[in-house]
Amino acid sequence: VVLCVMDSRFMMGSMGKVVGEKICKGVELATRKK
C-alpha cells in the first residue's frame, strides 16, 4: 500500500505547498503502481 501519514508535531500538521505536493505525489505513486 501507499501510505501518507501526517504529524501534528510539525507546525500542527498544517498544510502548506510542500505538504500538498507530497500528498499529490503519493496519490500519483499509487496510481502509477496500481
Full PDB file with SEQRES, HELIX, SHEET, SSBOND, CRYST1, ORIGX, SCALE, CONECT and MASTER records, all heavy atoms in Angstrom:
SEQRES   1 A   34  VAL VAL LEU CYS VAL MET ASP SER ARG PHE MET MET GLY          
SEQRES   2 A   34  SER MET GLY LYS VAL VAL GLY GLU LYS ILE CYS LYS GLY          
SEQRES   3 A   34  VAL GLU LEU ALA THR ARG LYS LYS                              
HELIX    1 AA1 MET A   11  GLY A   13  5                                   3    
HELIX    2 AA2 LYS A   17  LYS A   33  1                                  17    
CRYST1    1.000    1.000    1.000  90.00  90.00  90.00 P 1           1          
ORIGX1      1.000000  0.000000  0.000000        0.00000                         
ORIGX2      0.000000  1.000000  0.000000        0.00000                         
ORIGX3      0.000000  0.000000  1.000000        0.00000                         
SCALE1      1.000000  0.000000  0.000000        0.00000                         
SCALE2      0.000000  1.000000  0.000000        0.00000                         
SCALE3      0.000000  0.000000  1.000000        0.00000                         
ATOM      1  N   VAL A   1       0.836  -1.200   0.000  1.00  0.00           N  
ATOM      2  CA  VAL A   1       0.000   0.000   0.000  1.00  0.00           C  
ATOM      3  C   VAL A   1       0.870   1.249   0.000  1.00  0.00           C  
ATOM      4  O   VAL A   1       1.994   1.240   0.521  1.00  0.00           O  
ATOM      5  CB  VAL A   1      -0.932  -0.015   1.249  1.00  0.00           C  
ATOM      6  CG1 VAL A   1      -0.105   0.027   2.529  1.00  0.00           C  
ATOM      7  CG2 VAL A   1      -1.931   1.123   1.215  1.00  0.00           C  
ATOM      8  N   VAL A   2       0.356   2.328  -0.609  1.00  0.00           N  
ATOM      9  CA  VAL A   2       0.983   3.644  -0.489  1.00  0.00           C  
ATOM     10  C   VAL A   2       0.387   4.317   0.743  1.00  0.00           C  
ATOM     11  O   VAL A   2      -0.844   4.391   0.895  1.00  0.00           O  
ATOM     12  CB  VAL A   2       0.739   4.514  -1.736  1.00  0.00           C  
ATOM     13  CG1 VAL A   2       1.243   5.938  -1.506  1.00  0.00           C  
ATOM     14  CG2 VAL A   2       1.432   3.916  -2.948  1.00  0.00           C  
ATOM     15  N   LEU A   3       1.254   4.772   1.639  1.00  0.00           N  
ATOM     16  CA  LEU A   3       0.812   5.339   2.914  1.00  0.00           C  
ATOM     17  C   LEU A   3       1.362   6.748   3.085  1.00  0.00           C  
ATOM     18  O   LEU A   3       2.566   6.975   2.957  1.00  0.00           O  
ATOM     19  CB  LEU A   3       1.294   4.436   4.057  1.00  0.00           C  
ATOM     20  CG  LEU A   3       0.906   4.802   5.487  1.00  0.00           C  
ATOM     21  CD1 LEU A   3      -0.606   4.782   5.670  1.00  0.00           C  
ATOM     22  CD2 LEU A   3       1.571   3.847   6.473  1.00  0.00           C  
ATOM     23  N   CYS A   4       0.472   7.708   3.361  1.00  0.00           N  
ATOM     24  CA  CYS A   4       0.866   9.085   3.679  1.00  0.00           C  
ATOM     25  C   CYS A   4       0.397   9.374   5.107  1.00  0.00           C  
ATOM     26  O   CYS A   4      -0.797   9.228   5.409  1.00  0.00           O  
ATOM     27  CB  CYS A   4       0.225  10.081   2.720  1.00  0.00           C  
ATOM     28  SG  CYS A   4       0.603   9.806   0.974  1.00  0.00           S  
ATOM     29  N   VAL A   5       1.322   9.774   5.969  1.00  0.00           N  
ATOM     30  CA  VAL A   5       0.996   9.962   7.392  1.00  0.00           C  
ATOM     31  C   VAL A   5       1.378  11.381   7.814  1.00  0.00           C  
ATOM     32  O   VAL A   5       2.538  11.775   7.708  1.00  0.00           O  
ATOM     33  CB  VAL A   5       1.738   8.938   8.271  1.00  0.00           C  
ATOM     34  CG1 VAL A   5       1.321   9.106   9.734  1.00  0.00           C  
ATOM     35  CG2 VAL A   5       1.454   7.518   7.805  1.00  0.00           C  
ATOM     36  N   MET A   6       0.397  12.124   8.308  1.00  0.00           N  
ATOM     37  CA  MET A   6       0.643  13.486   8.776  1.00  0.00           C  
ATOM     38  C   MET A   6       1.068  13.467  10.246  1.00  0.00           C  
ATOM     39  O   MET A   6       0.744  12.529  10.984  1.00  0.00           O  
ATOM     40  CB  MET A   6      -0.609  14.346   8.584  1.00  0.00           C  
ATOM     41  CG  MET A   6      -1.103  14.391   7.150  1.00  0.00           C  
ATOM     42  SD  MET A   6      -2.467  15.547   6.907  1.00  0.00           S  
ATOM     43  CE  MET A   6      -1.596  17.114   6.964  1.00  0.00           C  
ATOM     44  N   ASP A   7       1.766  14.515  10.661  1.00  0.00           N  
ATOM     45  CA  ASP A   7       2.284  14.602  12.028  1.00  0.00           C  
ATOM     46  C   ASP A   7       1.944  15.975  12.601  1.00  0.00           C  
ATOM     47  O   ASP A   7       2.399  17.003  12.090  1.00  0.00           O  
ATOM     48  CB  ASP A   7       3.799  14.392  12.028  1.00  0.00           C  
ATOM     49  CG  ASP A   7       4.355  14.096  13.417  1.00  0.00           C  
ATOM     50  OD1 ASP A   7       3.886  14.733  14.385  1.00  0.00           O  
ATOM     51  OD2 ASP A   7       5.244  13.234  13.543  1.00  0.00           O  
ATOM     52  N   SER A   8       1.151  15.989  13.675  1.00  0.00           N  
ATOM     53  CA  SER A   8       0.707  17.258  14.256  1.00  0.00           C  
ATOM     54  C   SER A   8       1.825  17.994  14.996  1.00  0.00           C  
ATOM     55  O   SER A   8       1.682  19.167  15.330  1.00  0.00           O  
ATOM     56  CB  SER A   8      -0.463  17.027  15.212  1.00  0.00           C  
ATOM     57  OG  SER A   8      -0.076  16.181  16.276  1.00  0.00           O  
ATOM     58  N   ARG A   9       2.943  17.324  15.244  1.00  0.00           N  
ATOM     59  CA  ARG A   9       4.053  17.993  15.945  1.00  0.00           C  
ATOM     60  C   ARG A   9       4.757  18.996  15.044  1.00  0.00           C  
ATOM     61  O   ARG A   9       5.414  19.917  15.528  1.00  0.00           O  
ATOM     62  CB  ARG A   9       5.066  16.956  16.439  1.00  0.00           C  
ATOM     63  CG  ARG A   9       4.500  15.922  17.416  1.00  0.00           C  
ATOM     64  CD  ARG A   9       5.559  14.882  17.720  1.00  0.00           C  
ATOM     65  NE  ARG A   9       6.100  14.321  16.492  1.00  0.00           N  
ATOM     66  CZ  ARG A   9       7.338  13.849  16.354  1.00  0.00           C  
ATOM     67  NH1 ARG A   9       8.166  13.874  17.378  1.00  0.00           N  
ATOM     68  NH2 ARG A   9       7.746  13.355  15.208  1.00  0.00           N  
ATOM     69  N   PHE A  10       4.639  18.831  13.734  1.00  0.00           N  
ATOM     70  CA  PHE A  10       5.289  19.742  12.784  1.00  0.00           C  
ATOM     71  C   PHE A  10       4.304  20.856  12.431  1.00  0.00           C  
ATOM     72  O   PHE A  10       3.425  20.692  11.593  1.00  0.00           O  
ATOM     73  CB  PHE A  10       5.717  18.986  11.522  1.00  0.00           C  
ATOM     74  CG  PHE A  10       6.705  19.746  10.674  1.00  0.00           C  
ATOM     75  CD1 PHE A  10       8.039  19.360  10.641  1.00  0.00           C  
ATOM     76  CD2 PHE A  10       6.318  20.836   9.914  1.00  0.00           C  
ATOM     77  CE1 PHE A  10       8.957  20.049   9.866  1.00  0.00           C  
ATOM     78  CE2 PHE A  10       7.225  21.537   9.139  1.00  0.00           C  
ATOM     79  CZ  PHE A  10       8.549  21.148   9.108  1.00  0.00           C  
ATOM     80  N   MET A  11       4.425  21.970  13.123  1.00  0.00           N  
ATOM     81  CA  MET A  11       3.568  23.139  12.902  1.00  0.00           C  
ATOM     82  C   MET A  11       2.091  22.746  12.857  1.00  0.00           C  
ATOM     83  O   MET A  11       1.337  23.143  11.986  1.00  0.00           O  
ATOM     84  CB  MET A  11       3.974  23.884  11.632  1.00  0.00           C  
ATOM     85  CG  MET A  11       5.351  24.511  11.707  1.00  0.00           C  
ATOM     86  SD  MET A  11       5.717  25.637  10.338  1.00  0.00           S  
ATOM     87  CE  MET A  11       4.560  26.977  10.667  1.00  0.00           C  
ATOM     88  N   MET A  12       1.691  21.911  13.810  1.00  0.00           N  
ATOM     89  CA  MET A  12       0.316  21.455  13.979  1.00  0.00           C  
ATOM     90  C   MET A  12      -0.215  20.747  12.725  1.00  0.00           C  
ATOM     91  O   MET A  12      -1.413  20.740  12.458  1.00  0.00           O  
ATOM     92  CB  MET A  12      -0.586  22.641  14.354  1.00  0.00           C  
ATOM     93  CG  MET A  12      -1.900  22.254  15.005  1.00  0.00           C  
ATOM     94  SD  MET A  12      -1.706  21.039  16.318  1.00  0.00           S  
ATOM     95  CE  MET A  12      -3.098  19.996  16.024  1.00  0.00           C  
ATOM     96  N   GLY A  13       0.680  20.114  11.979  1.00  0.00           N  
ATOM     97  CA  GLY A  13       0.255  19.381  10.792  1.00  0.00           C  
ATOM     98  C   GLY A  13      -0.365  20.267   9.733  1.00  0.00           C  
ATOM     99  O   GLY A  13      -1.146  19.792   8.895  1.00  0.00           O  
ATOM    100  N   SER A  14      -0.056  21.547   9.755  1.00  0.00           N  
ATOM    101  CA  SER A  14      -0.670  22.488   8.812  1.00  0.00           C  
ATOM    102  C   SER A  14      -0.265  22.148   7.379  1.00  0.00           C  
ATOM    103  O   SER A  14       0.832  21.681   7.116  1.00  0.00           O  
ATOM    104  CB  SER A  14      -0.290  23.931   9.153  1.00  0.00           C  
ATOM    105  OG  SER A  14       1.115  24.059   9.255  1.00  0.00           O  
ATOM    106  N   MET A  15      -1.197  22.390   6.449  1.00  0.00           N  
ATOM    107  CA  MET A  15      -0.982  22.025   5.052  1.00  0.00           C  
ATOM    108  C   MET A  15      -0.483  23.224   4.250  1.00  0.00           C  
ATOM    109  O   MET A  15      -1.225  24.157   3.958  1.00  0.00           O  
ATOM    110  CB  MET A  15      -2.275  21.485   4.432  1.00  0.00           C  
ATOM    111  CG  MET A  15      -2.106  21.091   2.971  1.00  0.00           C  
ATOM    112  SD  MET A  15      -3.524  20.193   2.287  1.00  0.00           S  
ATOM    113  CE  MET A  15      -4.821  21.415   2.435  1.00  0.00           C  
ATOM    114  N   GLY A  16       0.791  23.179   3.916  1.00  0.00           N  
ATOM    115  CA  GLY A  16       1.379  24.171   3.034  1.00  0.00           C  
ATOM    116  C   GLY A  16       1.584  23.579   1.648  1.00  0.00           C  
ATOM    117  O   GLY A  16       1.107  22.484   1.331  1.00  0.00           O  
ATOM    118  N   LYS A  17       2.322  24.299   0.827  1.00  0.00           N  
ATOM    119  CA  LYS A  17       2.533  23.887  -0.559  1.00  0.00           C  
ATOM    120  C   LYS A  17       3.233  22.538  -0.660  1.00  0.00           C  
ATOM    121  O   LYS A  17       2.863  21.683  -1.466  1.00  0.00           O  
ATOM    122  CB  LYS A  17       3.357  24.963  -1.289  1.00  0.00           C  
ATOM    123  CG  LYS A  17       3.517  24.741  -2.776  1.00  0.00           C  
ATOM    124  CD  LYS A  17       4.226  25.918  -3.427  1.00  0.00           C  
ATOM    125  CE  LYS A  17       4.359  25.696  -4.935  1.00  0.00           C  
ATOM    126  NZ  LYS A  17       5.042  26.853  -5.579  1.00  0.00           N  
ATOM    127  N   VAL A  18       4.245  22.310   0.161  1.00  0.00           N  
ATOM    128  CA  VAL A  18       5.011  21.067   0.086  1.00  0.00           C  
ATOM    129  C   VAL A  18       4.211  19.893   0.638  1.00  0.00           C  
ATOM    130  O   VAL A  18       4.283  18.784   0.106  1.00  0.00           O  
ATOM    131  CB  VAL A  18       6.369  21.221   0.811  1.00  0.00           C  
ATOM    132  CG1 VAL A  18       7.081  19.887   0.930  1.00  0.00           C  
ATOM    133  CG2 VAL A  18       7.243  22.214   0.055  1.00  0.00           C  
ATOM    134  N   VAL A  19       3.425  20.123   1.688  1.00  0.00           N  
ATOM    135  CA  VAL A  19       2.567  19.054   2.210  1.00  0.00           C  
ATOM    136  C   VAL A  19       1.592  18.604   1.125  1.00  0.00           C  
ATOM    137  O   VAL A  19       1.426  17.406   0.862  1.00  0.00           O  
ATOM    138  CB  VAL A  19       1.802  19.511   3.468  1.00  0.00           C  
ATOM    139  CG1 VAL A  19       0.725  18.498   3.841  1.00  0.00           C  
ATOM    140  CG2 VAL A  19       2.757  19.702   4.633  1.00  0.00           C  
ATOM    141  N   GLY A  20       0.956  19.575   0.455  1.00  0.00           N  
ATOM    142  CA  GLY A  20       0.045  19.240  -0.630  1.00  0.00           C  
ATOM    143  C   GLY A  20       0.743  18.529  -1.773  1.00  0.00           C  
ATOM    144  O   GLY A  20       0.222  17.562  -2.346  1.00  0.00           O  
ATOM    145  N   GLU A  21       1.944  18.993  -2.100  1.00  0.00           N  
ATOM    146  CA  GLU A  21       2.708  18.389  -3.206  1.00  0.00           C  
ATOM    147  C   GLU A  21       3.107  16.953  -2.883  1.00  0.00           C  
ATOM    148  O   GLU A  21       3.018  16.066  -3.738  1.00  0.00           O  
ATOM    149  CB  GLU A  21       3.950  19.239  -3.481  1.00  0.00           C  
ATOM    150  CG  GLU A  21       4.818  18.742  -4.622  1.00  0.00           C  
ATOM    151  CD  GLU A  21       4.148  18.814  -5.982  1.00  0.00           C  
ATOM    152  OE1 GLU A  21       3.143  19.538  -6.115  1.00  0.00           O  
ATOM    153  OE2 GLU A  21       4.611  18.124  -6.913  1.00  0.00           O  
ATOM    154  N   LYS A  22       3.559  16.708  -1.653  1.00  0.00           N  
ATOM    155  CA  LYS A  22       3.952  15.347  -1.263  1.00  0.00           C  
ATOM    156  C   LYS A  22       2.762  14.394  -1.303  1.00  0.00           C  
ATOM    157  O   LYS A  22       2.881  13.245  -1.756  1.00  0.00           O  
ATOM    158  CB  LYS A  22       4.591  15.358   0.127  1.00  0.00           C  
ATOM    159  CG  LYS A  22       5.974  15.980   0.165  1.00  0.00           C  
ATOM    160  CD  LYS A  22       6.604  15.905   1.549  1.00  0.00           C  
ATOM    161  CE  LYS A  22       7.077  14.510   1.883  1.00  0.00           C  
ATOM    162  NZ  LYS A  22       7.906  14.476   3.105  1.00  0.00           N  
ATOM    163  N   ILE A  23       1.608  14.859  -0.843  1.00  0.00           N  
ATOM    164  CA  ILE A  23       0.420  14.001  -0.880  1.00  0.00           C  
ATOM    165  C   ILE A  23       0.004  13.740  -2.321  1.00  0.00           C  
ATOM    166  O   ILE A  23      -0.365  12.605  -2.674  1.00  0.00           O  
ATOM    167  CB  ILE A  23      -0.727  14.625  -0.061  1.00  0.00           C  
ATOM    168  CG1 ILE A  23      -0.353  14.607   1.429  1.00  0.00           C  
ATOM    169  CG2 ILE A  23      -2.034  13.869  -0.286  1.00  0.00           C  
ATOM    170  CD1 ILE A  23      -1.321  15.327   2.329  1.00  0.00           C  
ATOM    171  N   CYS A  24       0.072  14.760  -3.168  1.00  0.00           N  
ATOM    172  CA  CYS A  24      -0.234  14.567  -4.599  1.00  0.00           C  
ATOM    173  C   CYS A  24       0.711  13.538  -5.221  1.00  0.00           C  
ATOM    174  O   CYS A  24       0.277  12.658  -5.977  1.00  0.00           O  
ATOM    175  CB  CYS A  24      -0.116  15.892  -5.360  1.00  0.00           C  
ATOM    176  SG  CYS A  24      -1.518  16.988  -5.135  1.00  0.00           S  
ATOM    177  N   LYS A  25       1.983  13.640  -4.895  1.00  0.00           N  
ATOM    178  CA  LYS A  25       2.952  12.668  -5.411  1.00  0.00           C  
ATOM    179  C   LYS A  25       2.651  11.269  -4.892  1.00  0.00           C  
ATOM    180  O   LYS A  25       2.835  10.278  -5.602  1.00  0.00           O  
ATOM    181  CB  LYS A  25       4.375  13.077  -5.008  1.00  0.00           C  
ATOM    182  CG  LYS A  25       4.927  14.269  -5.782  1.00  0.00           C  
ATOM    183  CD  LYS A  25       6.352  14.573  -5.319  1.00  0.00           C  
ATOM    184  CE  LYS A  25       6.965  15.709  -6.104  1.00  0.00           C  
ATOM    185  NZ  LYS A  25       8.345  16.006  -5.651  1.00  0.00           N  
ATOM    186  N   GLY A  26       2.183  11.192  -3.633  1.00  0.00           N  
ATOM    187  CA  GLY A  26       1.802   9.898  -3.077  1.00  0.00           C  
ATOM    188  C   GLY A  26       0.630   9.291  -3.834  1.00  0.00           C  
ATOM    189  O   GLY A  26       0.617   8.084  -4.122  1.00  0.00           O  
ATOM    190  N   VAL A  27      -0.361  10.121  -4.161  1.00  0.00           N  
ATOM    191  CA  VAL A  27      -1.522   9.642  -4.923  1.00  0.00           C  
ATOM    192  C   VAL A  27      -1.084   9.197  -6.316  1.00  0.00           C  
ATOM    193  O   VAL A  27      -1.513   8.143  -6.824  1.00  0.00           O  
ATOM    194  CB  VAL A  27      -2.603  10.743  -5.030  1.00  0.00           C  
ATOM    195  CG1 VAL A  27      -3.795  10.238  -5.849  1.00  0.00           C  
ATOM    196  CG2 VAL A  27      -3.062  11.193  -3.651  1.00  0.00           C  
ATOM    197  N   GLU A  28      -0.217   9.982  -6.954  1.00  0.00           N  
ATOM    198  CA  GLU A  28       0.276   9.630  -8.292  1.00  0.00           C  
ATOM    199  C   GLU A  28       1.117   8.358  -8.250  1.00  0.00           C  
ATOM    200  O   GLU A  28       1.087   7.547  -9.189  1.00  0.00           O  
ATOM    201  CB  GLU A  28       1.081  10.791  -8.864  1.00  0.00           C  
ATOM    202  CG  GLU A  28       0.213  11.982  -9.238  1.00  0.00           C  
ATOM    203  CD  GLU A  28       1.014  13.239  -9.548  1.00  0.00           C  
ATOM    204  OE1 GLU A  28       2.233  13.254  -9.216  1.00  0.00           O  
ATOM    205  OE2 GLU A  28       0.431  14.188 -10.096  1.00  0.00           O  
ATOM    206  N   LEU A  29       1.848   8.155  -7.153  1.00  0.00           N  
ATOM    207  CA  LEU A  29       2.624   6.926  -6.979  1.00  0.00           C  
ATOM    208  C   LEU A  29       1.693   5.720  -6.902  1.00  0.00           C  
ATOM    209  O   LEU A  29       1.948   4.678  -7.522  1.00  0.00           O  
ATOM    210  CB  LEU A  29       3.479   7.031  -5.711  1.00  0.00           C  
ATOM    211  CG  LEU A  29       4.382   5.845  -5.365  1.00  0.00           C  
ATOM    212  CD1 LEU A  29       5.474   5.674  -6.423  1.00  0.00           C  
ATOM    213  CD2 LEU A  29       5.019   6.044  -3.977  1.00  0.00           C  
ATOM    214  N   ALA A  30       0.606   5.869  -6.144  1.00  0.00           N  
ATOM    215  CA  ALA A  30      -0.378   4.792  -6.048  1.00  0.00           C  
ATOM    216  C   ALA A  30      -1.045   4.530  -7.397  1.00  0.00           C  
ATOM    217  O   ALA A  30      -1.309   3.377  -7.768  1.00  0.00           O  
ATOM    218  CB  ALA A  30      -1.437   5.151  -4.999  1.00  0.00           C  
ATOM    219  N   THR A  31      -1.295   5.592  -8.155  1.00  0.00           N  
ATOM    220  CA  THR A  31      -1.902   5.447  -9.482  1.00  0.00           C  
ATOM    221  C   THR A  31      -0.961   4.706 -10.421  1.00  0.00           C  
ATOM    222  O   THR A  31      -1.367   3.773 -11.136  1.00  0.00           O  
ATOM    223  CB  THR A  31      -2.231   6.835 -10.075  1.00  0.00           C  
ATOM    224  OG1 THR A  31      -3.074   7.556  -9.163  1.00  0.00           O  
ATOM    225  CG2 THR A  31      -2.945   6.698 -11.417  1.00  0.00           C  
ATOM    226  N   ARG A  32       0.301   5.122 -10.410  1.00  0.00           N  
ATOM    227  CA  ARG A  32       1.295   4.548 -11.324  1.00  0.00           C  
ATOM    228  C   ARG A  32       1.558   3.075 -11.023  1.00  0.00           C  
ATOM    229  O   ARG A  32       1.682   2.256 -11.932  1.00  0.00           O  
ATOM    230  CB  ARG A  32       2.583   5.366 -11.222  1.00  0.00           C  
ATOM    231  CG  ARG A  32       3.622   5.057 -12.273  1.00  0.00           C  
ATOM    232  CD  ARG A  32       4.695   6.125 -12.316  1.00  0.00           C  
ATOM    233  NE  ARG A  32       5.444   6.252 -11.079  1.00  0.00           N  
ATOM    234  CZ  ARG A  32       5.342   7.290 -10.234  1.00  0.00           C  
ATOM    235  NH1 ARG A  32       4.489   8.272 -10.489  1.00  0.00           N  
ATOM    236  NH2 ARG A  32       6.069   7.337  -9.139  1.00  0.00           N  
ATOM    237  N   LYS A  33       1.624   2.747  -9.743  1.00  0.00           N  
ATOM    238  CA  LYS A  33       1.934   1.369  -9.349  1.00  0.00           C  
ATOM    239  C   LYS A  33       0.681   0.515  -9.117  1.00  0.00           C  
ATOM    240  O   LYS A  33       0.785  -0.650  -8.736  1.00  0.00           O  
ATOM    241  CB  LYS A  33       2.811   1.372  -8.088  1.00  0.00           C  
ATOM    242  CG  LYS A  33       4.201   1.929  -8.334  1.00  0.00           C  
ATOM    243  CD  LYS A  33       5.080   1.787  -7.107  1.00  0.00           C  
ATOM    244  CE  LYS A  33       6.514   2.240  -7.395  1.00  0.00           C  
ATOM    245  NZ  LYS A  33       7.221   1.299  -8.281  1.00  0.00           N  
ATOM    246  N   LYS A  34      -0.497   1.137  -9.331  1.00  0.00           N  
ATOM    247  CA  LYS A  34      -1.783   0.435  -9.161  1.00  0.00           C  
ATOM    248  C   LYS A  34      -1.908  -0.187  -7.765  1.00  0.00           C  
ATOM    249  O   LYS A  34      -2.239  -1.360  -7.603  1.00  0.00           O  
ATOM    250  CB  LYS A  34      -1.951  -0.618 -10.252  1.00  0.00           C  
ATOM    251  CG  LYS A  34      -2.000  -0.023 -11.658  1.00  0.00           C  
ATOM    252  CD  LYS A  34      -2.214  -1.076 -12.716  1.00  0.00           C  
ATOM    253  CE  LYS A  34      -2.278  -0.439 -14.097  1.00  0.00           C  
ATOM    254  NZ  LYS A  34      -2.445  -1.427 -15.184  1.00  0.00           N  
TER     255      LYS A  34                                                      
MASTER        0    0    0    2    0    0    0    6  254    1    0    3          
END                                                                             
